[in-house]
N, C-alpha and C. Protein backbone atom coordinates (compact mmCIF):
# COMPACT_ATOMS: atom_id res chain seq x y z
N MET A 1 -86.66 81.25 -25.11
CA MET A 1 -86.55 80.76 -23.72
C MET A 1 -87.75 80.72 -22.23
N ASP A 2 -87.37 79.84 -22.09
CA ASP A 2 -88.26 79.52 -21.05
C ASP A 2 -88.10 79.59 -19.56
N TYR A 3 -88.88 81.26 -19.35
CA TYR A 3 -88.75 81.98 -18.15
C TYR A 3 -89.29 81.39 -17.00
N ARG A 4 -89.72 80.43 -16.70
CA ARG A 4 -90.33 79.85 -15.76
C ARG A 4 -89.37 79.29 -14.86
N THR A 5 -88.46 79.12 -15.24
CA THR A 5 -87.35 78.47 -14.12
C THR A 5 -86.50 79.49 -13.74
N ARG A 6 -86.40 81.18 -14.08
CA ARG A 6 -86.09 82.32 -13.55
C ARG A 6 -86.96 82.98 -12.91
N ILE A 7 -88.46 83.11 -13.28
CA ILE A 7 -89.44 84.00 -13.00
C ILE A 7 -90.47 83.49 -11.88
N THR A 8 -90.12 84.00 -10.64
CA THR A 8 -91.27 83.38 -9.67
C THR A 8 -92.15 84.58 -9.01
N ILE A 9 -93.12 84.16 -8.13
CA ILE A 9 -94.42 84.81 -8.24
C ILE A 9 -94.31 83.98 -6.73
N GLU A 10 -94.34 85.15 -5.76
CA GLU A 10 -94.57 85.05 -4.38
C GLU A 10 -95.45 85.81 -3.85
N PRO A 11 -96.57 85.25 -3.35
CA PRO A 11 -97.58 86.20 -2.47
C PRO A 11 -97.37 87.12 -1.60
N GLY A 12 -96.36 86.27 -0.61
CA GLY A 12 -95.60 87.53 0.08
C GLY A 12 -94.56 88.05 0.22
N LYS A 13 -94.09 88.63 -1.06
CA LYS A 13 -93.03 88.77 -1.70
C LYS A 13 -93.65 89.73 -2.97
N ARG A 14 -92.78 90.93 -2.69
CA ARG A 14 -93.12 92.12 -3.56
C ARG A 14 -94.61 92.28 -3.67
N SER A 15 -95.62 91.95 -2.75
CA SER A 15 -96.97 91.64 -3.39
C SER A 15 -97.49 91.26 -4.21
N GLY A 16 -96.20 89.78 -4.11
CA GLY A 16 -96.81 88.92 -5.49
C GLY A 16 -96.46 89.27 -6.57
N LYS A 17 -95.91 90.31 -7.29
CA LYS A 17 -95.05 90.89 -8.28
C LYS A 17 -94.26 89.83 -9.12
N PRO A 18 -93.95 89.57 -10.17
CA PRO A 18 -93.26 88.46 -10.81
C PRO A 18 -91.46 88.81 -10.45
N CYS A 19 -91.02 88.28 -9.89
CA CYS A 19 -89.63 88.32 -9.26
C CYS A 19 -88.47 87.60 -9.90
N ILE A 20 -87.12 87.65 -9.84
CA ILE A 20 -86.31 87.10 -10.77
C ILE A 20 -85.92 86.15 -9.65
N ARG A 21 -86.07 84.79 -9.77
CA ARG A 21 -85.03 83.78 -8.87
C ARG A 21 -85.99 84.59 -7.26
N GLY A 22 -86.46 84.29 -6.68
CA GLY A 22 -87.02 84.57 -5.46
C GLY A 22 -86.37 86.10 -4.89
N LEU A 23 -85.86 86.38 -5.66
CA LEU A 23 -85.00 87.82 -5.36
C LEU A 23 -86.17 88.68 -5.14
N ARG A 24 -85.75 90.01 -4.33
CA ARG A 24 -86.93 90.76 -4.48
C ARG A 24 -86.42 91.91 -5.68
N ILE A 25 -85.96 91.46 -6.98
CA ILE A 25 -86.05 92.44 -8.05
C ILE A 25 -87.03 91.83 -9.03
N THR A 26 -88.11 92.85 -9.34
CA THR A 26 -89.33 92.38 -10.52
C THR A 26 -88.41 92.31 -11.91
N VAL A 27 -89.70 92.08 -12.14
CA VAL A 27 -89.62 91.76 -13.78
C VAL A 27 -89.75 93.20 -13.68
N TYR A 28 -91.01 93.90 -13.70
CA TYR A 28 -91.14 95.29 -13.48
C TYR A 28 -89.83 96.39 -13.83
N ASP A 29 -89.04 96.27 -12.66
CA ASP A 29 -87.75 96.86 -12.02
C ASP A 29 -86.73 96.71 -13.62
N ILE A 30 -86.80 95.61 -13.63
CA ILE A 30 -85.63 94.98 -15.15
C ILE A 30 -85.70 95.89 -16.33
N LEU A 31 -87.51 95.35 -16.29
CA LEU A 31 -87.81 96.63 -17.74
C LEU A 31 -87.77 97.44 -17.63
N ASN A 32 -88.11 98.35 -16.74
CA ASN A 32 -88.05 99.88 -16.52
C ASN A 32 -86.60 100.32 -16.41
N MET A 33 -85.67 99.28 -15.94
CA MET A 33 -84.26 100.17 -16.58
C MET A 33 -83.98 99.75 -18.29
N LEU A 34 -83.76 98.70 -18.71
CA LEU A 34 -84.30 98.61 -19.70
C LEU A 34 -84.92 99.50 -20.90
N ALA A 35 -86.35 100.24 -20.39
CA ALA A 35 -86.63 101.34 -21.08
C ALA A 35 -85.88 102.54 -20.66
N GLU A 36 -85.36 103.11 -19.74
CA GLU A 36 -84.43 104.29 -19.61
C GLU A 36 -83.03 103.83 -20.06
N GLY A 37 -82.68 102.76 -20.48
CA GLY A 37 -81.40 102.55 -21.55
C GLY A 37 -80.77 102.38 -21.02
N MET A 38 -80.67 101.14 -19.71
CA MET A 38 -79.45 100.92 -19.01
C MET A 38 -79.04 99.40 -20.01
N SER A 39 -77.76 98.98 -20.00
CA SER A 39 -77.62 97.77 -20.88
C SER A 39 -77.38 97.01 -19.96
N TYR A 40 -77.40 95.30 -20.34
CA TYR A 40 -77.37 94.56 -19.78
C TYR A 40 -76.01 94.73 -18.43
N ASP A 41 -75.06 95.03 -19.24
CA ASP A 41 -73.91 94.87 -18.28
C ASP A 41 -73.98 96.21 -17.16
N GLU A 42 -74.73 97.48 -17.33
CA GLU A 42 -75.06 97.79 -16.38
C GLU A 42 -75.70 97.98 -15.12
N ILE A 43 -76.95 96.86 -15.55
CA ILE A 43 -77.88 96.35 -14.62
C ILE A 43 -77.09 95.33 -13.64
N ILE A 44 -76.27 94.44 -14.87
CA ILE A 44 -75.37 93.35 -13.90
C ILE A 44 -74.65 93.91 -13.08
N ASP A 45 -74.06 95.21 -13.16
CA ASP A 45 -73.43 95.77 -12.26
C ASP A 45 -74.02 96.31 -10.89
N ASP A 46 -74.64 96.41 -11.08
CA ASP A 46 -75.83 97.59 -10.13
C ASP A 46 -76.41 96.08 -9.24
N PHE A 47 -76.51 95.15 -9.97
CA PHE A 47 -77.45 94.11 -9.00
C PHE A 47 -76.46 92.67 -9.53
N PRO A 48 -75.09 92.94 -9.00
CA PRO A 48 -74.52 91.39 -8.81
C PRO A 48 -75.20 90.03 -8.85
N LYS A 49 -76.33 89.51 -8.65
CA LYS A 49 -77.03 88.48 -8.70
C LYS A 49 -77.55 88.04 -9.75
N ILE A 50 -77.80 89.58 -10.43
CA ILE A 50 -78.95 89.19 -11.64
C ILE A 50 -77.86 88.96 -12.89
N THR A 51 -78.31 87.67 -13.80
CA THR A 51 -77.54 87.39 -14.80
C THR A 51 -78.20 88.06 -16.35
N LYS A 52 -77.43 87.64 -17.61
CA LYS A 52 -77.80 87.99 -18.65
C LYS A 52 -79.40 87.42 -18.98
N GLU A 53 -79.22 86.02 -18.79
CA GLU A 53 -80.21 85.11 -18.74
C GLU A 53 -81.50 85.79 -18.09
N ASP A 54 -81.42 86.23 -16.90
CA ASP A 54 -82.10 86.48 -15.95
C ASP A 54 -83.04 87.75 -16.83
N ILE A 55 -82.58 88.48 -17.33
CA ILE A 55 -82.95 89.88 -18.00
C ILE A 55 -83.64 89.46 -19.43
N MET A 56 -83.10 88.28 -19.63
CA MET A 56 -83.32 87.54 -21.06
C MET A 56 -84.98 87.01 -21.10
N ALA A 57 -85.47 86.56 -19.15
CA ALA A 57 -85.99 85.96 -18.98
C ALA A 57 -87.62 86.84 -18.70
N CYS A 58 -86.92 88.09 -18.25
CA CYS A 58 -87.83 89.36 -18.14
C CYS A 58 -88.56 89.57 -19.36
N LEU A 59 -87.71 89.93 -20.42
CA LEU A 59 -88.31 90.08 -21.55
C LEU A 59 -89.07 88.99 -22.22
N SER A 60 -89.01 87.74 -22.04
CA SER A 60 -89.40 86.72 -22.44
C SER A 60 -90.90 86.56 -21.65
N PHE A 61 -90.87 86.84 -20.64
CA PHE A 61 -91.67 86.94 -19.73
C PHE A 61 -93.09 87.97 -20.10
N ALA A 62 -92.39 89.25 -20.46
CA ALA A 62 -93.11 90.19 -20.82
C ALA A 62 -93.50 90.21 -22.33
N ALA A 63 -92.75 89.82 -23.13
CA ALA A 63 -93.50 88.92 -24.27
C ALA A 63 -94.40 87.77 -24.35
N GLU A 64 -94.78 87.41 -23.79
CA GLU A 64 -95.76 86.17 -23.48
C GLU A 64 -97.08 86.71 -22.83
N ARG A 65 -97.07 88.14 -22.17
CA ARG A 65 -97.73 88.15 -21.19
C ARG A 65 -98.44 89.03 -22.37
N GLU A 66 -97.80 90.01 -22.76
CA GLU A 66 -98.41 90.88 -23.86
C GLU A 66 -99.09 90.11 -25.06
N GLN A 67 -98.53 89.14 -25.47
CA GLN A 67 -98.96 88.22 -26.58
C GLN A 67 -100.71 87.78 -25.59
N ASN A 68 -100.60 87.48 -24.69
CA ASN A 68 -101.51 86.90 -23.82
C ASN A 68 -102.62 87.76 -23.76
N THR A 69 -102.17 88.94 -23.56
CA THR A 69 -103.53 90.16 -23.31
C THR A 69 -103.86 90.72 -24.72
N PHE A 70 -103.02 90.68 -25.91
CA PHE A 70 -103.50 90.98 -27.15
C PHE A 70 -104.80 89.79 -27.56
N ARG A 71 -104.29 88.71 -27.24
CA ARG A 71 -105.03 87.58 -27.75
C ARG A 71 -106.41 87.60 -27.04
N LEU A 72 -106.74 87.98 -25.60
CA LEU A 72 -107.85 88.36 -24.21
C LEU A 72 -108.57 89.38 -25.18
N SER A 73 -108.12 90.11 -25.69
CA SER A 73 -108.60 91.75 -26.27
C SER A 73 -109.32 91.24 -27.64
N ALA A 74 -108.96 90.61 -28.23
CA ALA A 74 -108.93 90.28 -29.82
C ALA A 74 -110.33 89.75 -29.92
């Protein structure tokens, strides 16, 4: 999945943290909810503007960032 169409970074929004489609919901927020055991459906129920594709974009963003971090440290 190409997360670039869904993950945005705006300097004045949430201190420049990666957010979903310009909303004030960060990639970290979504990843944290998943880590706490929330399902996609539970997240979407709590945040109706979020889609399954948005959640998948967050995972893709995090995976690419992790891969790049590993390459830098190797």
